[in-house]
Amino acid sequence: MKGFNATSRCLLLIFGLLLISGCDAIQDVIISEPPSGTDTEPLHVTMVYPSDCVDSAAYCLAFHTGVRTAEEALGIALTEVNGMENDPVATERLLRDAAQNSDLVLTAGYQMGDILARVALEFPEVKFAIFDVVLDMPNVTSINYKSNEGSFLVGAIAGLKTESNQIGYIGGADVPLLHGFEAGYLAGIHAVNPAAEVVIDYISTDATGFNQPEKAKALALAQYANGIDVIYAAAGGAGQGVLEAAQEQQKFIIWVDDNGNHLAPGIVLTSMTKEISTSVQRIIRETVEGNFMAGIRLFGVADGDVTYAVDEHNQALLSGDIIETVESLKTKIITGDITVPDTVLLPRE
């Protein structure tokens, strides 16, 4: 029976069916090719958020949009998990569970860095991606943005737009990641308006500040009451509190992470945008195609991954002269004529 292959077995099966059912049944028999053995399981991807933040923070929503778009476009098997705010032990357990059931695990935020470093070491065969954390491990791709560059551009807009010459900044957590935003913002303001005074406030010393919109609103109201007319809110979900204060006082706010110009047209002066969704899709696609790249990767203005937003919701707020000046500064960043600082001098005066 050396020549008895899959085709022969199919023919015998058909013959048997004919004997049982009669010749009329032949029209109901479909001959299909035997399985080729090339069918593969979809890539199992888990997105672990730093907290239950998708519905409250533009930052997390950008990741959610990215993984959902990749799911539809690439056919991945997607799971989304919310980390436990203020419970790193429970969050580490969730990340470990994700690693046990995934080919690729994504997470984001400085508070996830140490946790991922421990878990990635335990699962060397699993691929990991973390955003906004510098982590150099053989199975981790570490995606970072030059947020200082985008903050420089929106700082220049604030410096050109202010009428009181008093400008504000409210950060979610007084940590190195946010210091890059602060440093770039200050440099952008003073590049176009050296005389401007800038007030810096942080909601908290840790990640809890990103989820305290009431405190953020109180800080913003105090800044506005003291004559500040533009506030940059690098505060995650707490930015909603700054937005409420801006609307109540009819003063300007600069949004962060994604384009929030539509949230309050005429109030949101501009947005510092990071193309997080696009980056997420890029990482997943590379992994699906077998091109996962471990290591530290940095995206900035020159890559088109960091910029400021102008659209129908804020275009009337930005004169041609403002846009021309900011675009000139943007070009100088790309050519290397301007190097934007990413650290602040501590303690602050």
C-alpha atoms as a PDB file:
ATOM      1  CA  MET A   1       0.000   0.000   0.000  1.00  0.00           C
ATOM      2  CA  LYS A   2       2.955   2.264  -0.583  1.00  0.00           C
ATOM      3  CA  GLY A   3       1.042   4.487  -3.021  1.00  0.00           C
ATOM      4  CA  PHE A   4      -2.038   4.765  -0.800  1.00  0.00           C
ATOM      5  CA  ASN A   5      -2.060   8.517  -0.215  1.00  0.00           C
ATOM      6  CA  ALA A   6      -4.591  11.116   0.967  1.00  0.00           C
ATOM      7  CA  THR A   7      -6.156  11.392  -2.504  1.00  0.00           C
ATOM      8  CA  SER A   8      -6.704   7.629  -2.690  1.00  0.00           C
ATOM      9  CA  ARG A   9      -8.370   7.645   0.709  1.00  0.00           C
ATOM     10  CA  CYS A  10     -10.693  10.446  -0.417  1.00  0.00           C
ATOM     11  CA  LEU A  11     -11.701   8.450  -3.514  1.00  0.00           C
ATOM     12  CA  LEU A  12     -12.425   5.368  -1.419  1.00  0.00           C
ATOM     13  CA  LEU A  13     -14.531   7.497   0.902  1.00  0.00           C
ATOM     14  CA  ILE A  14     -16.582   8.810  -2.008  1.00  0.00           C
ATOM     15  CA  PHE A  15     -17.003   5.302  -3.386  1.00  0.00           C
ATOM     16  CA  GLY A  16     -18.237   4.119   0.002  1.00  0.00           C
ATOM     17  CA  LEU A  17     -20.731   6.931   0.204  1.00  0.00           C
ATOM     18  CA  LEU A  18     -22.042   6.071  -3.235  1.00  0.00           C
ATOM     19  CA  LEU A  19     -22.577   2.474  -2.204  1.00  0.00           C
ATOM     20  CA  ILE A  20     -24.507   3.600   0.877  1.00  0.00           C
ATOM     21  CA  SER A  21     -26.480   6.522  -0.533  1.00  0.00           C
ATOM     22  CA  GLY A  22     -26.828   5.790  -4.219  1.00  0.00           C
ATOM     23  CA  CYS A  23     -25.548   7.677  -7.244  1.00  0.00           C
ATOM     24  CA  ASP A  24     -27.877  10.643  -6.668  1.00  0.00           C
ATOM     25  CA  ALA A  25     -25.859  11.602  -3.584  1.00  0.00           C
ATOM     26  CA  ILE A  26     -22.707  12.398  -5.529  1.00  0.00           C
ATOM     27  CA  GLN A  27     -23.825  15.992  -6.034  1.00  0.00           C
ATOM     28  CA  ASP A  28     -23.660  16.538  -2.254  1.00  0.00           C
ATOM     29  CA  VAL A  29     -20.087  15.297  -1.862  1.00  0.00           C
ATOM     30  CA  ILE A  30     -17.448  18.030  -1.862  1.00  0.00           C
ATOM     31  CA  ILE A  31     -13.862  16.993  -2.402  1.00  0.00           C
ATOM     32  CA  SER A  32     -11.522  19.314  -0.489  1.00  0.00           C
ATOM     33  CA  GLU A  33      -7.779  19.430  -0.379  1.00  0.00           C
ATOM     34  CA  PRO A  34      -6.306  17.696   2.670  1.00  0.00           C
ATOM     35  CA  PRO A  35      -4.994  20.073   5.355  1.00  0.00           C
ATOM     36  CA  SER A  36      -1.663  21.538   4.315  1.00  0.00           C
ATOM     37  CA  GLY A  37      -0.299  21.756   7.842  1.00  0.00           C
ATOM     38  CA  THR A  38       0.531  25.452   7.371  1.00  0.00           C
ATOM     39  CA  ASP A  39      -2.366  26.826   9.452  1.00  0.00           C
ATOM     40  CA  THR A  40      -0.990  28.715  12.442  1.00  0.00           C
ATOM     41  CA  GLU A  41      -2.413  30.028  15.675  1.00  0.00           C
ATOM     42  CA  PRO A  42      -2.956  33.799  15.820  1.00  0.00           C
ATOM     43  CA  LEU A  43      -0.457  35.806  17.821  1.00  0.00           C
ATOM     44  CA  HIS A  44      -1.684  35.989  21.418  1.00  0.00           C
ATOM     45  CA  VAL A  45      -1.291  39.568  22.623  1.00  0.00           C
ATOM     46  CA  THR A  46      -2.123  40.959  26.061  1.00  0.00           C
ATOM     47  CA  MET A  47      -2.248  44.665  26.867  1.00  0.00           C
ATOM     48  CA  VAL A  48      -1.750  45.312  30.593  1.00  0.00           C
ATOM     49  CA  TYR A  49      -2.782  48.862  31.502  1.00  0.00           C
ATOM     50  CA  PRO A  50      -1.189  50.529  34.546  1.00  0.00           C
ATOM     51  CA  SER A  51      -4.676  50.944  36.035  1.00  0.00           C
ATOM     52  CA  ASP A  52      -8.353  51.031  35.057  1.00  0.00           C
ATOM     53  CA  CYS A  53      -7.677  54.077  32.934  1.00  0.00           C
ATOM     54  CA  VAL A  54      -9.044  53.560  29.427  1.00  0.00           C
ATOM     55  CA  ASP A  55     -12.213  55.543  30.068  1.00  0.00           C
ATOM     56  CA  SER A  56     -10.520  58.297  32.061  1.00  0.00           C
ATOM     57  CA  ALA A  57      -7.154  59.058  30.449  1.00  0.00           C
ATOM     58  CA  ALA A  58      -6.219  59.917  26.883  1.00  0.00           C
ATOM     59  CA  TYR A  59      -2.920  58.105  27.416  1.00  0.00           C
ATOM     60  CA  CYS A  60      -4.569  54.727  28.035  1.00  0.00           C
ATOM     61  CA  LEU A  61      -7.217  55.309  25.382  1.00  0.00           C
ATOM     62  CA  ALA A  62      -4.444  55.650  22.799  1.00  0.00           C
ATOM     63  CA  PHE A  63      -3.143  52.176  23.679  1.00  0.00           C
ATOM     64  CA  HIS A  64      -6.659  50.768  23.620  1.00  0.00           C
ATOM     65  CA  THR A  65      -7.220  52.205  20.154  1.00  0.00           C
ATOM     66  CA  GLY A  66      -3.903  50.808  18.960  1.00  0.00           C
ATOM     67  CA  VAL A  67      -4.452  47.231  20.131  1.00  0.00           C
ATOM     68  CA  ARG A  68      -8.046  47.147  18.919  1.00  0.00           C
ATOM     69  CA  THR A  69      -7.007  48.405  15.487  1.00  0.00           C
ATOM     70  CA  ALA A  70      -4.263  45.766  15.353  1.00  0.00           C
ATOM     71  CA  GLU A  71      -6.771  43.100  16.351  1.00  0.00           C
ATOM     72  CA  GLU A  72      -8.993  43.992  13.420  1.00  0.00           C
ATOM     73  CA  ALA A  73      -6.198  44.455  10.890  1.00  0.00           C
ATOM     74  CA  LEU A  74      -3.884  41.593  11.853  1.00  0.00           C
ATOM     75  CA  GLY A  75      -6.186  38.968  13.330  1.00  0.00           C
ATOM     76  CA  ILE A  76      -4.386  38.728  16.653  1.00  0.00           C
ATOM     77  CA  ALA A  77      -5.959  37.118  19.709  1.00  0.00           C
ATOM     78  CA  LEU A  78      -6.241  40.096  22.061  1.00  0.00           C
ATOM     79  CA  THR A  79      -6.703  40.291  25.822  1.00  0.00           C
ATOM     80  CA  GLU A  80      -6.825  43.556  27.774  1.00  0.00           C
ATOM     81  CA  VAL A  81      -6.108  43.654  31.501  1.00  0.00           C
ATOM     82  CA  ASN A  82      -6.327  46.533  33.977  1.00  0.00           C
ATOM     83  CA  GLY A  83      -3.486  46.799  36.487  1.00  0.00           C
ATOM     84  CA  MET A  84      -4.324  47.398  40.148  1.00  0.00           C
ATOM     85  CA  GLU A  85      -3.737  51.009  41.087  1.00  0.00           C
ATOM     86  CA  ASN A  86      -1.566  51.368  44.209  1.00  0.00           C
ATOM     87  CA  ASP A  87      -1.065  47.595  44.378  1.00  0.00           C
ATOM     88  CA  PRO A  88       2.162  46.690  42.572  1.00  0.00           C
ATOM     89  CA  VAL A  89       2.099  43.139  43.963  1.00  0.00           C
ATOM     90  CA  ALA A  90      -1.302  42.431  42.420  1.00  0.00           C
ATOM     91  CA  THR A  91      -0.271  44.156  39.191  1.00  0.00           C
ATOM     92  CA  GLU A  92       2.860  42.008  38.988  1.00  0.00           C
ATOM     93  CA  ARG A  93       0.708  38.914  39.414  1.00  0.00           C
ATOM     94  CA  LEU A  94      -1.525  40.045  36.554  1.00  0.00           C
ATOM     95  CA  LEU A  95       1.508  40.682  34.362  1.00  0.00           C
ATOM     96  CA  ARG A  96       2.901  37.242  35.189  1.00  0.00           C
ATOM     97  CA  ASP A  97      -0.442  35.622  34.334  1.00  0.00           C
ATOM     98  CA  ALA A  98      -0.423  37.484  31.027  1.00  0.00           C
ATOM     99  CA  ALA A  99       3.077  36.200  30.251  1.00  0.00           C
ATOM    100  CA  GLN A 100       1.943  32.628  30.813  1.00  0.00           C
ATOM    101  CA  ASN A 101      -0.771  32.963  28.179  1.00  0.00           C
ATOM    102  CA  SER A 102       0.702  35.313  25.589  1.00  0.00           C
ATOM    103  CA  ASP A 103       3.257  35.538  22.819  1.00  0.00           C
ATOM    104  CA  LEU A 104       3.511  39.322  23.255  1.00  0.00           C
ATOM    105  CA  VAL A 105       2.717  41.379  26.350  1.00  0.00           C
ATOM    106  CA  LEU A 106       2.451  45.164  26.173  1.00  0.00           C
ATOM    107  CA  THR A 107       2.336  47.644  29.029  1.00  0.00           C
ATOM    108  CA  ALA A 108       3.076  51.305  29.655  1.00  0.00           C
ATOM    109  CA  GLY A 109       3.986  53.891  32.245  1.00  0.00           C
ATOM    110  CA  TYR A 110       6.959  54.443  34.500  1.00  0.00           C
ATOM    111  CA  GLN A 111       5.227  52.619  37.376  1.00  0.00           C
ATOM    112  CA  MET A 112       5.332  49.389  35.319  1.00  0.00           C
ATOM    113  CA  GLY A 113       9.092  49.439  34.683  1.00  0.00           C
ATOM    114  CA  ASP A 114      10.415  47.551  37.709  1.00  0.00           C
ATOM    115  CA  ILE A 115       7.506  45.128  37.582  1.00  0.00           C
ATOM    116  CA  LEU A 116       8.099  44.240  33.943  1.00  0.00           C
ATOM    117  CA  ALA A 117      11.841  43.864  34.488  1.00  0.00           C
ATOM    118  CA  ARG A 118      11.186  41.096  37.034  1.00  0.00           C
ATOM    119  CA  VAL A 119       8.534  39.323  34.968  1.00  0.00           C
ATOM    120  CA  ALA A 120      10.463  39.501  31.675  1.00  0.00           C
ATOM    121  CA  LEU A 121      13.426  37.847  33.389  1.00  0.00           C
ATOM    122  CA  GLU A 122      11.192  34.930  34.413  1.00  0.00           C
ATOM    123  CA  PHE A 123       9.778  34.445  30.904  1.00  0.00           C
ATOM    124  CA  PRO A 124      12.690  34.771  28.446  1.00  0.00           C
ATOM    125  CA  GLU A 125      10.692  33.084  25.679  1.00  0.00           C
ATOM    126  CA  VAL A 126       7.897  35.678  25.828  1.00  0.00           C
ATOM    127  CA  LYS A 127       8.195  38.994  24.009  1.00  0.00           C
ATOM    128  CA  PHE A 128       7.394  42.195  25.901  1.00  0.00           C
ATOM    129  CA  ALA A 129       6.908  45.833  24.926  1.00  0.00           C
ATOM    130  CA  ILE A 130       6.859  48.722  27.373  1.00  0.00           C
ATOM    131  CA  PHE A 131       6.223  52.374  26.591  1.00  0.00           C
ATOM    132  CA  ASP A 132       7.720  55.409  28.321  1.00  0.00           C
ATOM    133  CA  VAL A 133      10.264  53.324  30.242  1.00  0.00           C
ATOM    134  CA  VAL A 134      13.927  52.795  29.378  1.00  0.00           C
ATOM    135  CA  LEU A 135      14.506  49.057  29.814  1.00  0.00           C
ATOM    136  CA  ASP A 136      17.291  47.165  28.067  1.00  0.00           C
ATOM    137  CA  MET A 137      16.530  43.426  28.101  1.00  0.00           C
ATOM    138  CA  PRO A 138      16.883  40.779  25.360  1.00  0.00           C
ATOM    139  CA  ASN A 139      13.140  40.026  25.161  1.00  0.00           C
ATOM    140  CA  VAL A 140      11.831  43.589  25.683  1.00  0.00           C
ATOM    141  CA  THR A 141      11.286  46.386  23.205  1.00  0.00           C
ATOM    142  CA  SER A 142      11.329  49.683  25.097  1.00  0.00           C
ATOM    143  CA  ILE A 143       9.440  52.432  23.269  1.00  0.00           C
ATOM    144  CA  ASN A 144      10.121  55.976  24.375  1.00  0.00           C
ATOM    145  CA  TYR A 145       9.040  59.331  23.016  1.00  0.00           C
ATOM    146  CA  LYS A 146      10.913  62.606  22.994  1.00  0.00           C
ATOM    147  CA  SER A 147       8.061  64.240  24.850  1.00  0.00           C
ATOM    148  CA  ASN A 148      10.411  67.082  25.712  1.00  0.00           C
ATOM    149  CA  GLU A 149      10.476  68.000  22.002  1.00  0.00           C
ATOM    150  CA  GLY A 150       6.696  68.093  21.681  1.00  0.00           C
ATOM    151  CA  SER A 151       6.485  70.006  24.955  1.00  0.00           C
ATOM    152  CA  PHE A 152       8.984  72.532  23.569  1.00  0.00           C
ATOM    153  CA  LEU A 153       6.669  73.223  20.623  1.00  0.00           C
ATOM    154  CA  VAL A 154       3.542  73.701  22.737  1.00  0.00           C
ATOM    155  CA  GLY A 155       5.601  75.782  25.170  1.00  0.00           C
ATOM    156  CA  ALA A 156       6.482  78.091  22.303  1.00  0.00           C
ATOM    157  CA  ILE A 157       2.779  78.375  21.465  1.00  0.00           C
ATOM    158  CA  ALA A 158       2.016  79.260  25.093  1.00  0.00           C
ATOM    159  CA  GLY A 159       4.827  81.825  25.150  1.00  0.00           C
ATOM    160  CA  LEU A 160       3.536  83.477  21.987  1.00  0.00           C
ATOM    161  CA  LYS A 161      -0.141  83.367  22.970  1.00  0.00           C
ATOM    162  CA  THR A 162      -0.039  84.556  26.590  1.00  0.00           C
ATOM    163  CA  GLU A 163      -1.319  88.038  27.285  1.00  0.00           C
ATOM    164  CA  SER A 164      -0.465  88.140  30.991  1.00  0.00           C
ATOM    165  CA  ASN A 165       3.081  86.789  30.524  1.00  0.00           C
ATOM    166  CA  GLN A 166       2.238  84.247  33.233  1.00  0.00           C
ATOM    167  CA  ILE A 167       2.057  80.617  32.211  1.00  0.00           C
ATOM    168  CA  GLY A 168       1.339  77.425  34.134  1.00  0.00           C
ATOM    169  CA  TYR A 169       2.259  73.743  34.122  1.00  0.00           C
ATOM    170  CA  ILE A 170       0.511  70.983  36.087  1.00  0.00           C
ATOM    171  CA  GLY A 171       2.076  67.517  36.104  1.00  0.00           C
ATOM    172  CA  GLY A 172       0.544  64.324  37.395  1.00  0.00           C
ATOM    173  CA  ALA A 173       3.592  63.041  39.296  1.00  0.00           C
ATOM    174  CA  ASP A 174       6.861  64.716  40.236  1.00  0.00           C
ATOM    175  CA  VAL A 175       9.026  62.012  38.630  1.00  0.00           C
ATOM    176  CA  PRO A 176      11.781  61.991  35.966  1.00  0.00           C
ATOM    177  CA  LEU A 177       9.407  61.032  33.145  1.00  0.00           C
ATOM    178  CA  LEU A 178       7.354  64.187  33.701  1.00  0.00           C
ATOM    179  CA  HIS A 179      10.457  66.304  34.234  1.00  0.00           C
ATOM    180  CA  GLY A 180      11.130  65.844  30.521  1.00  0.00           C
ATOM    181  CA  PHE A 181       7.768  67.418  29.726  1.00  0.00           C
ATOM    182  CA  GLU A 182       8.490  70.265  32.136  1.00  0.00           C
ATOM    183  CA  ALA A 183      12.005  70.899  30.804  1.00  0.00           C
ATOM    184  CA  GLY A 184      10.899  71.012  27.180  1.00  0.00           C
ATOM    185  CA  TYR A 185       7.917  73.236  27.978  1.00  0.00           C
ATOM    186  CA  LEU A 186      10.032  75.752  29.858  1.00  0.00           C
ATOM    187  CA  ALA A 187      12.632  75.820  27.089  1.00  0.00           C
ATOM    188  CA  GLY A 188       9.968  76.387  24.431  1.00  0.00           C
ATOM    189  CA  ILE A 189       8.371  79.236  26.368  1.00  0.00           C
ATOM    190  CA  HIS A 190      11.657  81.031  26.967  1.00  0.00           C
ATOM    191  CA  ALA A 191      12.848  80.494  23.394  1.00  0.00           C
ATOM    192  CA  VAL A 192      10.147  82.900  22.223  1.00  0.00           C
ATOM    193  CA  ASN A 193       9.337  84.841  25.385  1.00  0.00           C
ATOM    194  CA  PRO A 194      12.281  85.112  27.811  1.00  0.00           C
ATOM    195  CA  ALA A 195      10.352  87.420  30.144  1.00  0.00           C
ATOM    196  CA  ALA A 196       7.477  84.991  30.754  1.00  0.00           C
ATOM    197  CA  GLU A 197       6.992  83.704  34.308  1.00  0.00           C
ATOM    198  CA  VAL A 198       6.144  80.017  34.680  1.00  0.00           C
ATOM    199  CA  VAL A 199       4.514  78.350  37.700  1.00  0.00           C
ATOM    200  CA  ILE A 200       5.144  74.608  38.118  1.00  0.00           C
ATOM    201  CA  ASP A 201       2.785  72.417  40.158  1.00  0.00           C
ATOM    202  CA  TYR A 202       2.662  68.645  40.571  1.00  0.00           C
ATOM    203  CA  ILE A 203      -0.385  66.847  41.880  1.00  0.00           C
ATOM    204  CA  SER A 204       1.556  64.121  43.688  1.00  0.00           C
ATOM    205  CA  THR A 205       4.987  62.581  44.104  1.00  0.00           C
ATOM    206  CA  ASP A 206       3.763  59.275  42.671  1.00  0.00           C
ATOM    207  CA  ALA A 207       1.342  57.792  40.138  1.00  0.00           C
ATOM    208  CA  THR A 208      -1.728  58.492  42.293  1.00  0.00           C
ATOM    209  CA  GLY A 209      -1.640  62.050  41.003  1.00  0.00           C
ATOM    210  CA  PHE A 210      -2.766  60.947  37.557  1.00  0.00           C
ATOM    211  CA  ASN A 211      -6.125  59.966  39.018  1.00  0.00           C
ATOM    212  CA  GLN A 212      -6.868  63.034  41.156  1.00  0.00           C
ATOM    213  CA  PRO A 213      -8.870  65.397  38.926  1.00  0.00           C
ATOM    214  CA  GLU A 214     -10.280  67.252  41.948  1.00  0.00           C
ATOM    215  CA  LYS A 215      -6.808  68.221  43.174  1.00  0.00           C
ATOM    216  CA  ALA A 216      -5.748  69.075  39.627  1.00  0.00           C
ATOM    217  CA  LYS A 217      -8.758  71.365  39.287  1.00  0.00           C
ATOM    218  CA  ALA A 218      -7.935  73.116  42.563  1.00  0.00           C
ATOM    219  CA  LEU A 219      -4.347  73.716  41.429  1.00  0.00           C
ATOM    220  CA  ALA A 220      -5.543  75.025  38.075  1.00  0.00           C
ATOM    221  CA  LEU A 221      -8.105  77.370  39.616  1.00  0.00           C
ATOM    222  CA  ALA A 222      -5.400  78.778  41.875  1.00  0.00           C
ATOM    223  CA  GLN A 223      -3.066  79.334  38.920  1.00  0.00           C
ATOM    224  CA  TYR A 224      -5.774  81.021  36.865  1.00  0.00           C
ATOM    225  CA  ALA A 225      -6.744  83.209  39.843  1.00  0.00           C
ATOM    226  CA  ASN A 226      -3.139  84.418  40.048  1.00  0.00           C
ATOM    227  CA  GLY A 227      -3.151  85.692  36.489  1.00  0.00           C
ATOM    228  CA  ILE A 228      -1.981  82.656  34.537  1.00  0.00           C
ATOM    229  CA  ASP A 229      -3.781  82.423  31.216  1.00  0.00           C
ATOM    230  CA  VAL A 230      -2.341  79.183  29.730  1.00  0.00           C
ATOM    231  CA  ILE A 231      -1.791  75.881  31.558  1.00  0.00           C
ATOM    232  CA  TYR A 232      -0.097  72.781  30.128  1.00  0.00           C
ATOM    233  CA  ALA A 233      -1.688  69.729  31.788  1.00  0.00           C
ATOM    234  CA  ALA A 234       0.622  66.698  31.658  1.00  0.00           C
ATOM    235  CA  ALA A 235      -1.545  64.890  34.154  1.00  0.00           C
ATOM    236  CA  GLY A 236      -3.213  61.833  32.604  1.00  0.00           C
ATOM    237  CA  GLY A 237      -6.773  61.348  33.811  1.00  0.00           C
ATOM    238  CA  ALA A 238      -6.375  64.257  36.245  1.00  0.00           C
ATOM    239  CA  GLY A 239      -6.147  66.561  33.232  1.00  0.00           C
ATOM    240  CA  GLN A 240      -9.949  66.476  33.165  1.00  0.00           C
ATOM    241  CA  GLY A 241      -9.907  68.603  36.322  1.00  0.00           C
ATOM    242  CA  VAL A 242      -7.663  71.177  34.657  1.00  0.00           C
ATOM    243  CA  LEU A 243     -10.001  71.211  31.667  1.00  0.00           C
ATOM    244  CA  GLU A 244     -12.990  71.903  33.903  1.00  0.00           C
ATOM    245  CA  ALA A 245     -11.137  74.801  35.536  1.00  0.00           C
ATOM    246  CA  ALA A 246     -10.180  76.208  32.134  1.00  0.00           C
ATOM    247  CA  GLN A 247     -13.777  76.072  30.957  1.00  0.00           C
ATOM    248  CA  GLU A 248     -15.055  77.745  34.109  1.00  0.00           C
ATOM    249  CA  GLN A 249     -12.478  80.524  33.894  1.00  0.00           C
ATOM    250  CA  GLN A 250     -12.526  80.757  30.087  1.00  0.00           C
ATOM    251  CA  LYS A 251      -8.756  80.498  29.927  1.00  0.00           C
ATOM    252  CA  PHE A 252      -6.485  78.267  27.893  1.00  0.00           C
ATOM    253  CA  ILE A 253      -5.339  74.708  28.510  1.00  0.00           C
ATOM    254  CA  ILE A 254      -2.843  72.657  26.482  1.00  0.00           C
ATOM    255  CA  TRP A 255      -3.796  68.978  26.266  1.00  0.00           C
ATOM    256  CA  VAL A 256      -1.334  66.089  26.164  1.00  0.00           C
ATOM    257  CA  ASP A 257      -0.705  62.620  24.657  1.00  0.00           C
ATOM    258  CA  ASP A 258      -3.449  62.738  22.032  1.00  0.00           C
ATOM    259  CA  ASN A 259      -5.397  65.418  20.194  1.00  0.00           C
ATOM    260  CA  GLY A 260      -7.842  66.900  22.692  1.00  0.00           C
ATOM    261  CA  ASN A 261      -8.630  70.053  20.728  1.00  0.00           C
ATOM    262  CA  HIS A 262     -12.228  68.906  20.275  1.00  0.00           C
ATOM    263  CA  LEU A 263     -12.825  68.598  24.023  1.00  0.00           C
ATOM    264  CA  ALA A 264     -13.395  72.343  24.396  1.00  0.00           C
ATOM    265  CA  PRO A 265     -12.991  74.319  21.163  1.00  0.00           C
ATOM    266  CA  GLY A 266     -11.743  77.812  21.912  1.00  0.00           C
ATOM    267  CA  ILE A 267     -10.374  76.686  25.291  1.00  0.00           C
ATOM    268  CA  VAL A 268      -7.911  73.954  24.298  1.00  0.00           C
ATOM    269  CA  LEU A 269      -5.143  76.027  22.745  1.00  0.00           C
ATOM    270  CA  THR A 270      -3.373  73.005  21.239  1.00  0.00           C
ATOM    271  CA  SER A 271      -2.350  69.457  22.142  1.00  0.00           C
ATOM    272  CA  MET A 272       1.046  67.825  22.450  1.00  0.00           C
ATOM    273  CA  THR A 273       0.482  64.558  20.634  1.00  0.00           C
ATOM    274  CA  LYS A 274       2.363  61.279  20.704  1.00  0.00           C
ATOM    275  CA  GLU A 275       1.448  58.751  18.022  1.00  0.00           C
ATOM    276  CA  ILE A 276       0.995  55.976  20.589  1.00  0.00           C
ATOM    277  CA  SER A 277      -1.686  54.134  18.650  1.00  0.00           C
ATOM    278  CA  THR A 278       0.504  53.986  15.555  1.00  0.00           C
ATOM    279  CA  SER A 279       3.499  52.801  17.576  1.00  0.00           C
ATOM    280  CA  VAL A 280       1.449  50.038  19.203  1.00  0.00           C
ATOM    281  CA  GLN A 281       0.286  48.802  15.819  1.00  0.00           C
ATOM    282  CA  ARG A 282       3.867  48.955  14.525  1.00  0.00           C
ATOM    283  CA  ILE A 283       5.180  46.752  17.358  1.00  0.00           C
ATOM    284  CA  ILE A 284       2.407  44.189  16.960  1.00  0.00           C
ATOM    285  CA  ARG A 285       2.816  44.049  13.182  1.00  0.00           C
ATOM    286  CA  GLU A 286       6.573  43.566  13.495  1.00  0.00           C
ATOM    287  CA  THR A 287       5.981  40.693  15.909  1.00  0.00           C
ATOM    288  CA  VAL A 288       3.358  39.054  13.686  1.00  0.00           C
ATOM    289  CA  GLU A 289       5.788  39.252  10.764  1.00  0.00           C
ATOM    290  CA  GLY A 290       8.616  37.762  12.814  1.00  0.00           C
ATOM    291  CA  ASN A 291      10.526  41.039  13.061  1.00  0.00           C
ATOM    292  CA  PHE A 292      10.287  41.758  16.782  1.00  0.00           C
ATOM    293  CA  MET A 293      13.126  44.090  17.768  1.00  0.00           C
ATOM    294  CA  ALA A 294      14.296  44.113  21.365  1.00  0.00           C
ATOM    295  CA  GLY A 295      16.108  47.135  22.711  1.00  0.00           C
ATOM    296  CA  ILE A 296      15.505  50.812  23.432  1.00  0.00           C
ATOM    297  CA  ARG A 297      13.721  52.706  20.679  1.00  0.00           C
ATOM    298  CA  LEU A 298      13.230  56.466  20.709  1.00  0.00           C
ATOM    299  CA  PHE A 299      10.700  58.380  18.585  1.00  0.00           C
ATOM    300  CA  GLY A 300      10.535  62.147  18.329  1.00  0.00           C
ATOM    301  CA  VAL A 301       9.663  65.142  16.183  1.00  0.00           C
ATOM    302  CA  ALA A 302      11.938  64.010  13.339  1.00  0.00           C
ATOM    303  CA  ASP A 303      10.098  60.654  13.170  1.00  0.00           C
ATOM    304  CA  GLY A 304       6.692  62.316  13.052  1.00  0.00           C
ATOM    305  CA  ASP A 305       5.713  60.531  16.271  1.00  0.00           C
ATOM    306  CA  VAL A 306       5.692  63.679  18.439  1.00  0.00           C
ATOM    307  CA  THR A 307       4.160  67.008  17.407  1.00  0.00           C
ATOM    308  CA  TYR A 308       1.451  69.569  18.202  1.00  0.00           C
ATOM    309  CA  ALA A 309      -2.111  69.530  16.905  1.00  0.00           C
ATOM    310  CA  VAL A 310      -3.782  72.120  14.686  1.00  0.00           C
ATOM    311  CA  ASP A 311      -7.266  71.435  13.351  1.00  0.00           C
ATOM    312  CA  GLU A 312     -10.662  73.022  12.863  1.00  0.00           C
ATOM    313  CA  HIS A 313     -11.183  73.200  16.634  1.00  0.00           C
ATOM    314  CA  ASN A 314      -8.212  75.462  17.425  1.00  0.00           C
ATOM    315  CA  GLN A 315      -7.049  76.911  14.119  1.00  0.00           C
ATOM    316  CA  ALA A 316      -8.704  80.261  14.835  1.00  0.00           C
ATOM    317  CA  LEU A 317      -6.661  80.554  18.050  1.00  0.00           C
ATOM    318  CA  LEU A 318      -3.291  80.293  16.319  1.00  0.00           C
ATOM    319  CA  SER A 319      -2.287  83.119  14.010  1.00  0.00           C
ATOM    320  CA  GLY A 320      -0.199  82.603  10.927  1.00  0.00           C
ATOM    321  CA  ASP A 321       2.745  84.212  12.703  1.00  0.00           C
ATOM    322  CA  ILE A 322       2.496  81.751  15.596  1.00  0.00           C
ATOM    323  CA  ILE A 323       2.376  78.753  13.257  1.00  0.00           C
ATOM    324  CA  GLU A 324       5.271  80.094  11.194  1.00  0.00           C
ATOM    325  CA  THR A 325       7.418  80.593  14.293  1.00  0.00           C
ATOM    326  CA  VAL A 326       6.638  77.169  15.737  1.00  0.00           C
ATOM    327  CA  GLU A 327       7.231  75.431  12.418  1.00  0.00           C
ATOM    328  CA  SER A 328      10.604  77.170  12.190  1.00  0.00           C
ATOM    329  CA  LEU A 329      11.489  75.868  15.661  1.00  0.00           C
ATOM    330  CA  LYS A 330      10.286  72.398  14.664  1.00  0.00           C
ATOM    331  CA  THR A 331      12.594  72.427  11.636  1.00  0.00           C
ATOM    332  CA  LYS A 332      15.520  73.435  13.828  1.00  0.00           C
ATOM    333  CA  ILE A 333      14.834  70.508  16.152  1.00  0.00           C
ATOM    334  CA  ILE A 334      14.805  68.135  13.187  1.00  0.00           C
ATOM    335  CA  THR A 335      18.059  69.522  11.761  1.00  0.00           C
ATOM    336  CA  GLY A 336      19.747  69.483  15.148  1.00  0.00           C
ATOM    337  CA  ASP A 337      20.103  73.251  15.415  1.00  0.00           C
ATOM    338  CA  ILE A 338      18.021  73.094  18.592  1.00  0.00           C
ATOM    339  CA  THR A 339      18.666  70.454  21.246  1.00  0.00           C
ATOM    340  CA  VAL A 340      15.738  70.347  23.656  1.00  0.00           C
ATOM    341  CA  PRO A 341      16.598  69.676  27.324  1.00  0.00           C
ATOM    342  CA  ASP A 342      14.971  66.687  29.010  1.00  0.00           C
ATOM    343  CA  THR A 343      15.912  67.271  32.636  1.00  0.00           C
ATOM    344  CA  VAL A 344      15.209  70.014  35.152  1.00  0.00           C
ATOM    345  CA  LEU A 345      17.495  71.583  37.695  1.00  0.00           C
ATOM    346  CA  LEU A 346      16.454  70.499  41.167  1.00  0.00           C
ATOM    347  CA  PRO A 347      15.552  71.855  43.606  1.00  0.00           C
ATOM    348  CA  ARG A 348      13.389  74.345  41.743  1.00  0.00           C
ATOM    349  CA  GLU A 349      13.628  77.958  42.796  1.00  0.00           C
END
